[in-house]
Structure formats: structure tokens, C-alpha cells
PDB file of N, CA and C in Angstrom:
ATOM      1  N   UNK A   1      69.236 -66.230 -25.173  1.00  0.00           N
ATOM      2  CA  UNK A   1      69.866 -67.679 -25.356  1.00  0.00           C
ATOM      3  C   UNK A   1      70.036 -68.273 -26.632  1.00  0.00           C
ATOM      4  N   UNK A   2      69.341 -67.609 -27.609  1.00  0.00           N
ATOM      5  CA  UNK A   2      69.436 -67.804 -28.970  1.00  0.00           C
ATOM      6  C   UNK A   2      70.776 -67.532 -29.403  1.00  0.00           C
ATOM      7  N   UNK A   3      71.155 -66.251 -29.037  1.00  0.00           N
ATOM      8  CA  UNK A   3      72.376 -65.882 -29.483  1.00  0.00           C
ATOM      9  C   UNK A   3      73.669 -66.612 -28.700  1.00  0.00           C
ATOM     10  N   UNK A   4      73.404 -67.148 -27.456  1.00  0.00           N
ATOM     11  CA  UNK A   4      74.349 -68.054 -26.791  1.00  0.00           C
ATOM     12  C   UNK A   4      74.560 -69.424 -27.467  1.00  0.00           C
ATOM     13  N   UNK A   5      73.459 -69.933 -27.874  1.00  0.00           N
ATOM     14  CA  UNK A   5      73.347 -70.993 -28.456  1.00  0.00           C
ATOM     15  C   UNK A   5      74.106 -71.194 -30.026  1.00  0.00           C
ATOM     16  N   UNK A   6      73.655 -70.060 -30.839  1.00  0.00           N
ATOM     17  CA  UNK A   6      74.555 -69.792 -31.948  1.00  0.00           C
ATOM     18  C   UNK A   6      76.109 -69.784 -31.657  1.00  0.00           C
ATOM     19  N   UNK A   7      76.614 -69.261 -30.802  1.00  0.00           N
ATOM     20  CA  UNK A   7      77.796 -69.034 -30.497  1.00  0.00           C
ATOM     21  C   UNK A   7      78.694 -70.556 -30.095  1.00  0.00           C
ATOM     22  N   UNK A   8      77.606 -71.287 -29.402  1.00  0.00           N
ATOM     23  CA  UNK A   8      77.974 -72.467 -28.772  1.00  0.00           C
ATOM     24  C   UNK A   8      78.419 -73.375 -30.034  1.00  0.00           C
ATOM     25  N   UNK A   9      77.208 -73.309 -31.089  1.00  0.00           N
ATOM     26  CA  UNK A   9      77.597 -74.209 -32.371  1.00  0.00           C
ATOM     27  C   UNK A   9      78.317 -73.611 -33.316  1.00  0.00           C
ATOM     28  N   UNK A  10      78.616 -72.314 -33.741  1.00  0.00           N
ATOM     29  CA  UNK A  10      79.118 -71.847 -34.719  1.00  0.00           C
ATOM     30  C   UNK A  10      80.512 -71.268 -34.309  1.00  0.00           C
ATOM     31  N   UNK A  11      80.726 -71.113 -32.905  1.00  0.00           N
ATOM     32  CA  UNK A  11      82.099 -70.458 -32.637  1.00  0.00           C
ATOM     33  C   UNK A  11      81.788 -69.000 -32.567  1.00  0.00           C
ATOM     34  N   UNK A  12      82.650 -68.320 -32.163  1.00  0.00           N
ATOM     35  CA  UNK A  12      82.524 -66.793 -31.820  1.00  0.00           C
ATOM     36  C   UNK A  12      82.297 -65.932 -33.002  1.00  0.00           C
ATOM     37  N   UNK A  13      81.589 -65.024 -32.886  1.00  0.00           N
ATOM     38  CA  UNK A  13      80.817 -64.109 -33.956  1.00  0.00           C
ATOM     39  C   UNK A  13      80.908 -62.612 -33.413  1.00  0.00           C
ATOM     40  N   UNK A  14      81.730 -61.726 -34.034  1.00  0.00           N
ATOM     41  CA  UNK A  14      81.782 -60.364 -33.519  1.00  0.00           C
ATOM     42  C   UNK A  14      80.204 -59.737 -33.285  1.00  0.00           C
ATOM     43  N   UNK A  15      79.846 -59.865 -34.202  1.00  0.00           N
ATOM     44  CA  UNK A  15      78.122 -59.508 -34.231  1.00  0.00           C
ATOM     45  C   UNK A  15      77.108 -59.801 -33.032  1.00  0.00           C
ATOM     46  N   UNK A  16      77.331 -61.283 -32.962  1.00  0.00           N
ATOM     47  CA  UNK A  16      76.685 -61.781 -32.092  1.00  0.00           C
ATOM     48  C   UNK A  16      77.085 -61.469 -30.596  1.00  0.00           C
ATOM     49  N   UNK A  17      78.624 -61.205 -30.623  1.00  0.00           N
ATOM     50  CA  UNK A  17      79.164 -60.845 -29.345  1.00  0.00           C
ATOM     51  C   UNK A  17      78.851 -59.544 -29.036  1.00  0.00           C
ATOM     52  N   UNK A  18      78.362 -58.545 -30.144  1.00  0.00           N
ATOM     53  CA  UNK A  18      78.182 -57.247 -29.695  1.00  0.00           C
ATOM     54  C   UNK A  18      76.707 -57.371 -28.832  1.00  0.00           C
ATOM     55  N   UNK A  19      75.982 -57.977 -29.330  1.00  0.00           N
ATOM     56  CA  UNK A  19      74.623 -57.986 -28.966  1.00  0.00           C
ATOM     57  C   UNK A  19      74.675 -58.528 -27.495  1.00  0.00           C
ATOM     58  N   UNK A  20      75.238 -59.502 -27.506  1.00  0.00           N
ATOM     59  CA  UNK A  20      75.394 -60.458 -26.194  1.00  0.00           C
ATOM     60  C   UNK A  20      75.983 -59.339 -24.902  1.00  0.00           C
ATOM     61  N   UNK A  21      77.084 -58.747 -25.384  1.00  0.00           N
ATOM     62  CA  UNK A  21      77.778 -57.763 -24.329  1.00  0.00           C
ATOM     63  C   UNK A  21      76.772 -56.772 -24.059  1.00  0.00           C
ATOM     64  N   UNK A  22      76.025 -56.298 -24.849  1.00  0.00           N
ATOM     65  CA  UNK A  22      75.100 -55.283 -24.106  1.00  0.00           C
ATOM     66  C   UNK A  22      73.933 -56.014 -23.302  1.00  0.00           C
ATOM     67  N   UNK A  23      73.500 -57.125 -23.722  1.00  0.00           N
ATOM     68  CA  UNK A  23      72.622 -57.787 -22.924  1.00  0.00           C
ATOM     69  C   UNK A  23      73.108 -58.017 -21.448  1.00  0.00           C
ATOM     70  N   UNK A  24      74.375 -58.748 -21.606  1.00  0.00           N
ATOM     71  CA  UNK A  24      74.979 -59.319 -20.162  1.00  0.00           C
ATOM     72  C   UNK A  24      75.526 -57.636 -19.407  1.00  0.00           C
ATOM     73  N   UNK A  25      75.667 -56.598 -20.186  1.00  0.00           N
ATOM     74  CA  UNK A  25      76.062 -55.468 -19.327  1.00  0.00           C
ATOM     75  C   UNK A  25      74.888 -54.691 -18.814  1.00  0.00           C
ATOM     76  N   UNK A  26      73.501 -54.997 -19.351  1.00  0.00           N
ATOM     77  CA  UNK A  26      72.374 -54.684 -18.739  1.00  0.00           C
ATOM     78  C   UNK A  26      72.010 -55.398 -17.689  1.00  0.00           C
ATOM     79  N   UNK A  27      72.340 -56.729 -17.464  1.00  0.00           N
ATOM     80  CA  UNK A  27      72.066 -57.306 -16.260  1.00  0.00           C
ATOM     81  C   UNK A  27      72.986 -57.656 -15.406  1.00  0.00           C
ATOM     82  N   UNK A  28      73.954 -56.648 -15.729  1.00  0.00           N
ATOM     83  CA  UNK A  28      75.097 -56.663 -14.536  1.00  0.00           C
ATOM     84  C   UNK A  28      75.919 -57.903 -14.369  1.00  0.00           C
ATOM     85  N   UNK A  29      76.213 -58.585 -15.656  1.00  0.00           N
ATOM     86  CA  UNK A  29      76.709 -59.924 -15.599  1.00  0.00           C
ATOM     87  C   UNK A  29      78.138 -59.497 -16.205  1.00  0.00           C
ATOM     88  N   UNK A  30      78.921 -58.911 -15.411  1.00  0.00           N
ATOM     89  CA  UNK A  30      79.984 -58.417 -16.055  1.00  0.00           C
ATOM     90  C   UNK A  30      81.268 -59.473 -16.488  1.00  0.00           C
ATOM     91  N   UNK A  31      81.143 -60.748 -15.838  1.00  0.00           N
ATOM     92  CA  UNK A  31      81.993 -61.627 -16.303  1.00  0.00           C
ATOM     93  C   UNK A  31      81.846 -62.105 -17.899  1.00  0.00           C
ATOM     94  N   UNK A  32      80.461 -62.369 -18.054  1.00  0.00           N
ATOM     95  CA  UNK A  32      80.059 -62.908 -19.386  1.00  0.00           C
ATOM     96  C   UNK A  32      80.138 -61.608 -20.354  1.00  0.00           C
ATOM     97  N   UNK A  33      79.535 -60.339 -20.030  1.00  0.00           N
ATOM     98  CA  UNK A  33      80.080 -59.266 -21.010  1.00  0.00           C
ATOM     99  C   UNK A  33      81.274 -59.121 -21.240  1.00  0.00           C
ATOM    100  N   UNK A  34      82.145 -59.265 -20.413  1.00  0.00           N
ATOM    101  CA  UNK A  34      83.833 -59.176 -20.645  1.00  0.00           C
ATOM    102  C   UNK A  34      84.181 -60.133 -21.696  1.00  0.00           C
ATOM    103  N   UNK A  35      83.964 -61.467 -21.502  1.00  0.00           N
ATOM    104  CA  UNK A  35      84.064 -62.349 -22.528  1.00  0.00           C
ATOM    105  C   UNK A  35      83.614 -61.930 -23.799  1.00  0.00           C
ATOM    106  N   UNK A  36      82.448 -61.589 -23.971  1.00  0.00           N
ATOM    107  CA  UNK A  36      82.209 -61.213 -25.291  1.00  0.00           C
ATOM    108  C   UNK A  36      83.274 -59.904 -25.851  1.00  0.00           C
ATOM    109  N   UNK A  37      83.544 -59.058 -24.909  1.00  0.00           N
ATOM    110  CA  UNK A  37      84.257 -57.859 -25.542  1.00  0.00           C
ATOM    111  C   UNK A  37      85.548 -58.303 -25.901  1.00  0.00           C
ATOM    112  N   UNK A  38      86.110 -59.586 -25.321  1.00  0.00           N
ATOM    113  CA  UNK A  38      87.395 -60.294 -25.527  1.00  0.00           C
ATOM    114  C   UNK A  38      87.185 -60.840 -27.158  1.00  0.00           C
ATOM    115  N   UNK A  39      85.911 -61.320 -27.481  1.00  0.00           N
ATOM    116  CA  UNK A  39      85.649 -61.913 -28.832  1.00  0.00           C
ATOM    117  C   UNK A  39      85.623 -60.748 -29.610  1.00  0.00           C
ATOM    118  N   UNK A  40      85.085 -59.536 -29.362  1.00  0.00           N
ATOM    119  CA  UNK A  40      85.025 -58.346 -30.226  1.00  0.00           C
ATOM    120  C   UNK A  40      86.402 -57.873 -30.592  1.00  0.00           C
ATOM    121  N   UNK A  41      87.462 -57.474 -29.237  1.00  0.00           N
ATOM    122  CA  UNK A  41      88.774 -57.183 -29.651  1.00  0.00           C
ATOM    123  C   UNK A  41      89.697 -58.340 -30.517  1.00  0.00           C
ATOM    124  N   UNK A  42      89.208 -59.671 -30.510  1.00  0.00           N
ATOM    125  CA  UNK A  42      90.096 -60.434 -31.320  1.00  0.00           C
ATOM    126  C   UNK A  42      89.771 -60.200 -32.687  1.00  0.00           C
ATOM    127  N   UNK A  43      88.702 -59.498 -33.142  1.00  0.00           N
ATOM    128  CA  UNK A  43      88.407 -59.065 -34.445  1.00  0.00           C
ATOM    129  C   UNK A  43      88.703 -57.650 -34.720  1.00  0.00           C
ATOM    130  N   UNK A  44      88.539 -56.722 -33.483  1.00  0.00           N
ATOM    131  CA  UNK A  44      88.711 -55.403 -33.665  1.00  0.00           C
ATOM    132  C   UNK A  44      89.795 -54.851 -32.775  1.00  0.00           C
ATOM    133  N   UNK A  45      90.967 -55.105 -32.967  1.00  0.00           N
ATOM    134  CA  UNK A  45      91.938 -54.862 -31.856  1.00  0.00           C
ATOM    135  C   UNK A  45      91.998 -53.358 -31.395  1.00  0.00           C
ATOM    136  N   UNK A  46      91.652 -52.521 -32.502  1.00  0.00           N
ATOM    137  CA  UNK A  46      91.785 -51.023 -32.073  1.00  0.00           C
ATOM    138  C   UNK A  46      90.525 -50.538 -31.683  1.00  0.00           C
ATOM    139  N   UNK A  47      89.181 -51.295 -31.412  1.00  0.00           N
ATOM    140  CA  UNK A  47      88.092 -50.652 -30.706  1.00  0.00           C
ATOM    141  C   UNK A  47      88.284 -50.106 -29.506  1.00  0.00           C
ATOM    142  N   UNK A  48      88.547 -48.870 -29.260  1.00  0.00           N
ATOM    143  CA  UNK A  48      88.833 -48.088 -27.955  1.00  0.00           C
ATOM    144  C   UNK A  48      87.481 -48.306 -26.999  1.00  0.00           C
ATOM    145  N   UNK A  49      86.208 -48.200 -27.844  1.00  0.00           N
ATOM    146  CA  UNK A  49      85.419 -48.183 -26.689  1.00  0.00           C
ATOM    147  C   UNK A  49      85.082 -49.565 -26.051  1.00  0.00           C
ATOM    148  N   UNK A  50      85.323 -50.448 -26.511  1.00  0.00           N
ATOM    149  CA  UNK A  50      85.019 -51.831 -25.884  1.00  0.00           C
ATOM    150  C   UNK A  50      86.337 -51.867 -25.058  1.00  0.00           C
ATOM    151  N   UNK A  51      87.492 -51.240 -25.324  1.00  0.00           N
ATOM    152  CA  UNK A  51      88.520 -51.374 -24.304  1.00  0.00           C
ATOM    153  C   UNK A  51      88.266 -50.593 -23.120  1.00  0.00           C
ATOM    154  N   UNK A  52      87.478 -49.481 -23.145  1.00  0.00           N
ATOM    155  CA  UNK A  52      87.170 -48.551 -22.107  1.00  0.00           C
ATOM    156  C   UNK A  52      86.125 -49.396 -21.138  1.00  0.00           C
ATOM    157  N   UNK A  53      85.089 -49.961 -22.043  1.00  0.00           N
ATOM    158  CA  UNK A  53      84.234 -50.834 -21.061  1.00  0.00           C
ATOM    159  C   UNK A  53      84.775 -51.967 -20.392  1.00  0.00           C
ATOM    160  N   UNK A  54      86.168 -52.401 -21.127  1.00  0.00           N
ATOM    161  CA  UNK A  54      86.742 -53.624 -20.218  1.00  0.00           C
ATOM    162  C   UNK A  54      87.281 -53.297 -19.143  1.00  0.00           C
ATOM    163  N   UNK A  55      88.144 -51.937 -19.342  1.00  0.00           N
ATOM    164  CA  UNK A  55      88.465 -51.299 -18.115  1.00  0.00           C
ATOM    165  C   UNK A  55      87.343 -50.881 -16.930  1.00  0.00           C
ATOM    166  N   UNK A  56      86.369 -50.462 -17.327  1.00  0.00           N
ATOM    167  CA  UNK A  56      85.352 -50.120 -16.604  1.00  0.00           C
ATOM    168  C   UNK A  56      85.063 -51.341 -15.567  1.00  0.00           C
ATOM    169  N   UNK A  57      84.843 -52.302 -16.201  1.00  0.00           N
ATOM    170  CA  UNK A  57      84.549 -53.690 -15.743  1.00  0.00           C
ATOM    171  C   UNK A  57      85.572 -54.422 -14.759  1.00  0.00           C
ATOM    172  N   UNK A  58      86.944 -54.143 -15.072  1.00  0.00           N
ATOM    173  CA  UNK A  58      88.143 -54.319 -14.466  1.00  0.00           C
ATOM    174  C   UNK A  58      88.050 -53.443 -13.092  1.00  0.00           C
ATOM    175  N   UNK A  59      87.717 -52.267 -13.079  1.00  0.00           N
ATOM    176  CA  UNK A  59      87.541 -51.249 -12.036  1.00  0.00           C
ATOM    177  C   UNK A  59      86.231 -51.882 -11.125  1.00  0.00           C
ATOM    178  N   UNK A  60      84.961 -52.101 -11.842  1.00  0.00           N
ATOM    179  CA  UNK A  60      83.826 -52.520 -11.261  1.00  0.00           C
ATOM    180  C   UNK A  60      84.403 -54.052  -9.846  1.00  0.00           C
ATOM    181  N   UNK A  61      85.416 -54.564 -10.775  1.00  0.00           N
ATOM    182  CA  UNK A  61      85.757 -55.751 -10.190  1.00  0.00           C
ATOM    183  C   UNK A  61      86.974 -55.652  -9.105  1.00  0.00           C
ATOM    184  N   UNK A  62      87.333 -54.373  -8.950  1.00  0.00           N
ATOM    185  CA  UNK A  62      88.515 -53.880  -8.052  1.00  0.00           C
ATOM    186  C   UNK A  62      89.766 -54.622  -8.703  1.00  0.00           C
ATOM    187  N   UNK A  63      90.063 -55.096 -10.072  1.00  0.00           N
ATOM    188  CA  UNK A  63      91.215 -55.567 -10.827  1.00  0.00           C
ATOM    189  C   UNK A  63      92.041 -54.322 -11.339  1.00  0.00           C
ATOM    190  N   UNK A  64      92.576 -53.423 -10.323  1.00  0.00           N
ATOM    191  CA  UNK A  64      92.953 -52.028 -10.756  1.00  0.00           C
ATOM    192  C   UNK A  64      94.362 -52.388 -11.745  1.00  0.00           C
ATOM    193  N   UNK A  65      95.035 -53.537 -11.166  1.00  0.00           N
ATOM    194  CA  UNK A  65      96.094 -53.425 -12.225  1.00  0.00           C
ATOM    195  C   UNK A  65      95.844 -53.475 -13.700  1.00  0.00           C
ATOM    196  N   UNK A  66      94.872 -54.291 -14.164  1.00  0.00           N
ATOM    197  CA  UNK A  66      94.491 -54.792 -15.182  1.00  0.00           C
ATOM    198  C   UNK A  66      93.747 -53.493 -15.824  1.00  0.00           C
ATOM    199  N   UNK A  67      92.935 -52.843 -14.980  1.00  0.00           N
ATOM    200  CA  UNK A  67      92.301 -51.388 -15.601  1.00  0.00           C
ATOM    201  C   UNK A  67      93.375 -50.525 -16.048  1.00  0.00           C
ATOM    202  N   UNK A  68      94.326 -50.233 -15.143  1.00  0.00           N
ATOM    203  CA  UNK A  68      95.352 -49.308 -15.339  1.00  0.00           C
ATOM    204  C   UNK A  68      96.062 -49.656 -16.610  1.00  0.00           C
ATOM    205  N   UNK A  69      96.490 -50.907 -16.855  1.00  0.00           N
ATOM    206  CA  UNK A  69      97.019 -51.388 -18.260  1.00  0.00           C
ATOM    207  C   UNK A  69      96.050 -51.033 -19.318  1.00  0.00           C
ATOM    208  N   UNK A  70      94.958 -51.029 -19.260  1.00  0.00           N
ATOM    209  CA  UNK A  70      93.926 -51.018 -20.609  1.00  0.00           C
ATOM    210  C   UNK A  70      93.731 -49.408 -20.579  1.00  0.00           C
ATOM    211  N   UNK A  71      93.736 -48.644 -19.606  1.00  0.00           N
ATOM    212  CA  UNK A  71      93.534 -47.229 -19.762  1.00  0.00           C
ATOM    213  C   UNK A  71      94.764 -46.767 -20.024  1.00  0.00           C
ATOM    214  N   UNK A  72      96.069 -47.375 -19.653  1.00  0.00           N
ATOM    215  CA  UNK A  72      96.919 -46.548 -20.346  1.00  0.00           C
ATOM    216  C   UNK A  72      97.403 -46.853 -21.830  1.00  0.00           C
ATOM    217  N   UNK A  73      97.093 -48.094 -22.245  1.00  0.00           N
ATOM    218  CA  UNK A  73      96.919 -48.417 -23.726  1.00  0.00           C
ATOM    219  C   UNK A  73      96.240 -47.408 -24.314  1.00  0.00           C
ATOM    220  N   UNK A  74      95.014 -47.024 -23.829  1.00  0.00           N
ATOM    221  CA  UNK A  74      94.064 -46.306 -24.646  1.00  0.00           C
ATOM    222  C   UNK A  74      94.675 -44.742 -24.811  1.00  0.00           C
ATOM    223  N   UNK A  75      95.252 -44.500 -23.714  1.00  0.00           N
ATOM    224  CA  UNK A  75      95.735 -42.845 -23.801  1.00  0.00           C
ATOM    225  C   UNK A  75      96.847 -43.035 -24.673  1.00  0.00           C
ATOM    226  N   UNK A  76      97.582 -44.205 -24.853  1.00  0.00           N
ATOM    227  CA  UNK A  76      98.761 -44.148 -25.925  1.00  0.00           C
ATOM    228  C   UNK A  76      98.234 -43.779 -27.077  1.00  0.00           C
ATOM    229  N   UNK A  77      97.128 -44.310 -27.544  1.00  0.00           N
ATOM    230  CA  UNK A  77      96.397 -43.841 -28.730  1.00  0.00           C
ATOM    231  C   UNK A  77      95.386 -42.684 -28.800  1.00  0.00           C
ATOM    232  N   UNK A  78      94.967 -42.399 -27.677  1.00  0.00           N
ATOM    233  CA  UNK A  78      93.896 -41.282 -27.470  1.00  0.00           C
ATOM    234  C   UNK A  78      94.387 -40.538 -26.325  1.00  0.00           C
ATOM    235  N   UNK A  79      95.417 -39.638 -26.324  1.00  0.00           N
ATOM    236  CA  UNK A  79      95.968 -39.118 -25.259  1.00  0.00           C
ATOM    237  C   UNK A  79      95.133 -37.791 -24.897  1.00  0.00           C
ATOM    238  N   UNK A  80      94.144 -37.310 -25.788  1.00  0.00           N
ATOM    239  CA  UNK A  80      93.626 -36.485 -25.521  1.00  0.00           C
ATOM    240  C   UNK A  80      92.031 -36.516 -24.839  1.00  0.00           C
ATOM    241  N   UNK A  81      92.054 -37.725 -24.529  1.00  0.00           N
ATOM    242  CA  UNK A  81      90.687 -38.388 -23.771  1.00  0.00           C
ATOM    243  C   UNK A  81      90.697 -38.140 -22.137  1.00  0.00           C
ATOM    244  N   UNK A  82      89.750 -36.845 -22.079  1.00  0.00           N
ATOM    245  CA  UNK A  82      89.730 -36.680 -20.673  1.00  0.00           C
ATOM    246  C   UNK A  82      88.974 -37.586 -19.747  1.00  0.00           C
ATOM    247  N   UNK A  83      88.159 -38.330 -20.570  1.00  0.00           N
ATOM    248  CA  UNK A  83      87.426 -39.167 -19.497  1.00  0.00           C
ATOM    249  C   UNK A  83      88.555 -40.596 -19.332  1.00  0.00           C
ATOM    250  N   UNK A  84      89.133 -40.743 -20.466  1.00  0.00           N
ATOM    251  CA  UNK A  84      89.963 -41.993 -19.889  1.00  0.00           C
ATOM    252  C   UNK A  84      91.198 -41.746 -18.981  1.00  0.00           C
ATOM    253  N   UNK A  85      91.574 -40.546 -19.048  1.00  0.00           N
ATOM    254  CA  UNK A  85      92.536 -39.719 -18.452  1.00  0.00           C
ATOM    255  C   UNK A  85      91.801 -39.817 -16.694  1.00  0.00           C
ATOM    256  N   UNK A  86      90.587 -39.426 -16.693  1.00  0.00           N
ATOM    257  CA  UNK A  86      90.079 -39.367 -15.320  1.00  0.00           C
ATOM    258  C   UNK A  86      90.009 -40.656 -14.584  1.00  0.00           C
ATOM    259  N   UNK A  87      89.550 -41.516 -15.509  1.00  0.00           N
ATOM    260  CA  UNK A  87      89.226 -42.854 -14.852  1.00  0.00           C
ATOM    261  C   UNK A  87      90.453 -43.420 -14.303  1.00  0.00           C
ATOM    262  N   UNK A  88      91.834 -43.346 -15.142  1.00  0.00           N
ATOM    263  CA  UNK A  88      92.910 -43.520 -14.819  1.00  0.00           C
ATOM    264  C   UNK A  88      93.504 -42.864 -13.604  1.00  0.00           C
ATOM    265  N   UNK A  89      93.293 -41.713 -13.307  1.00  0.00           N
ATOM    266  CA  UNK A  89      93.594 -40.782 -12.241  1.00  0.00           C
ATOM    267  C   UNK A  89      92.741 -41.491 -11.274  1.00  0.00           C
ATOM    268  N   UNK A  90      91.362 -41.843 -11.063  1.00  0.00           N
ATOM    269  CA  UNK A  90      90.758 -42.244  -9.868  1.00  0.00           C
ATOM    270  C   UNK A  90      91.140 -43.492  -9.426  1.00  0.00           C
ATOM    271  N   UNK A  91      91.397 -44.492 -10.411  1.00  0.00           N
ATOM    272  CA  UNK A  91      91.831 -46.017 -10.158  1.00  0.00           C
ATOM    273  C   UNK A  91      93.571 -45.771  -9.235  1.00  0.00           C
ATOM    274  N   UNK A  92      94.373 -44.770  -9.576  1.00  0.00           N
ATOM    275  CA  UNK A  92      95.576 -44.502  -8.958  1.00  0.00           C
ATOM    276  C   UNK A  92      95.347 -44.111  -7.703  1.00  0.00           C
ATOM    277  N   UNK A  93      94.397 -43.028  -7.837  1.00  0.00           N
ATOM    278  CA  UNK A  93      94.270 -42.451  -6.219  1.00  0.00           C
ATOM    279  C   UNK A  93      93.459 -43.562  -5.321  1.00  0.00           C
ATOM    280  N   UNK A  94      92.764 -44.534  -5.938  1.00  0.00           N
ATOM    281  CA  UNK A  94      92.082 -45.621  -5.140  1.00  0.00           C
ATOM    282  C   UNK A  94      93.295 -46.469  -4.647  1.00  0.00           C
ATOM    283  N   UNK A  95      94.416 -46.590  -5.636  1.00  0.00           N
ATOM    284  CA  UNK A  95      95.429 -47.630  -5.128  1.00  0.00           C
ATOM    285  C   UNK A  95      96.614 -46.767  -4.314  1.00  0.00           C
ATOM    286  N   UNK A  96      96.120 -45.762  -3.929  1.00  0.00           N
ATOM    287  CA  UNK A  96      96.782 -44.710  -3.057  1.00  0.00           C
ATOM    288  C   UNK A  96      98.344 -44.451  -3.675  1.00  0.00           C
ATOM    289  N   UNK A  97      98.209 -44.189  -5.080  1.00  0.00           N
ATOM    290  CA  UNK A  97      99.353 -43.835  -6.030  1.00  0.00           C
ATOM    291  C   UNK A  97      99.117 -42.469  -6.297  1.00  0.00           C
ATOM    292  N   UNK A  98      98.886 -41.450  -5.120  1.00  0.00           N
ATOM    293  CA  UNK A  98      98.567 -40.160  -5.327  1.00  0.00           C
ATOM    294  C   UNK A  98      99.293 -39.157  -6.201  1.00  0.00           C
ATOM    295  N   UNK A  99     100.499 -39.299  -6.342  1.00  0.00           N
ATOM    296  CA  UNK A  99     101.665 -38.650  -6.988  1.00  0.00           C
ATOM    297  C   UNK A  99     101.275 -38.667  -8.431  1.00  0.00           C
ATOM    298  N   UNK A 100     101.087 -40.149  -8.957  1.00  0.00           N
ATOM    299  CA  UNK A 100     100.812 -40.306 -10.146  1.00  0.00           C
ATOM    300  C   UNK A 100      99.406 -39.987 -10.657  1.00  0.00           C
ATOM    301  N   UNK A 101      98.205 -40.178  -9.661  1.00  0.00           N
ATOM    302  CA  UNK A 101      97.195 -39.891 -10.101  1.00  0.00           C
ATOM    303  C   UNK A 101      96.907 -38.272 -10.216  1.00  0.00           C
ATOM    304  N   UNK A 102      97.739 -37.489  -9.393  1.00  0.00           N
ATOM    305  CA  UNK A 102      97.581 -35.999  -9.684  1.00  0.00           C
ATOM    306  C   UNK A 102      98.393 -35.792 -11.171  1.00  0.00           C
ATOM    307  N   UNK A 103      99.065 -36.462 -11.592  1.00  0.00           N
ATOM    308  CA  UNK A 103      99.642 -35.972 -12.895  1.00  0.00           C
ATOM    309  C   UNK A 103      98.579 -36.417 -14.131  1.00  0.00           C
ATOM    310  N   UNK A 104      97.604 -36.944 -13.872  1.00  0.00           N
ATOM    311  CA  UNK A 104      96.683 -37.494 -14.882  1.00  0.00           C
ATOM    312  C   UNK A 104      95.273 -36.516 -14.508  1.00  0.00           C
ATOM    313  N   UNK A 105      95.092 -35.960 -13.430  1.00  0.00           N
ATOM    314  CA  UNK A 105      94.323 -34.902 -12.986  1.00  0.00           C
ATOM    315  C   UNK A 105      94.269 -33.940 -13.492  1.00  0.00           C
ATOM    316  N   UNK A 106      95.483 -33.345 -13.650  1.00  0.00           N
ATOM    317  CA  UNK A 106      96.044 -32.053 -14.218  1.00  0.00           C
ATOM    318  C   UNK A 106      96.189 -32.068 -15.563  1.00  0.00           C
TER     319      UNK A 106
END
């Protein structure tokens, strides 16, 4: 509550957002965690770990198109990430895009 109050009074702060995002994620409050990740990305746009977490939240919320977009952006920067490639393939398979999913599973 202290962190939230700080942000309300002082505006977005990346360090506070990092702490809040962890707390919200632990409590499975994905909407609030996502909002904190957006604050982090505004300051650290190349933070791939945050982008992955956001994509996983999109997957959890079944917002597959958003997840696919983020995962493809990550792969453009880190094409050797097997974990990201797996997540992307799994989402594509869930959307019944089997041909494209197979390309990422291989």
C-alpha cells in the first residue's frame, strides 16, 4: 500500500514498479502487475524479461494476439531463446495455427 500511495503522489517510478509488479504477480493480480510492467518498459524498453512476463500474462488472460506480438518482438532480438519460441508455438497451437506452431517447435 505504501508503494501504491507513493506512485499516486509522485507519479510512476521504475523501482517502485519493479517491487509492485512482484507483489501483484505473487497475489495473481495480473492486471495490476501488467500496469507496473508498462511503467518499467517506458523506462527500460529493451527489458526482455519484462516483455516475457507481459506475454505470459497475455496468455493467462487468453489475449493471444497480444502475446504473439510480444513474443515475436522478443524473438526478433533474441532468436535463440528456446523458451520464448516454445511459448510462441504453444500459443499458435492453441489458436489452431498448427503449421506456424510447428515451425517454432522445430
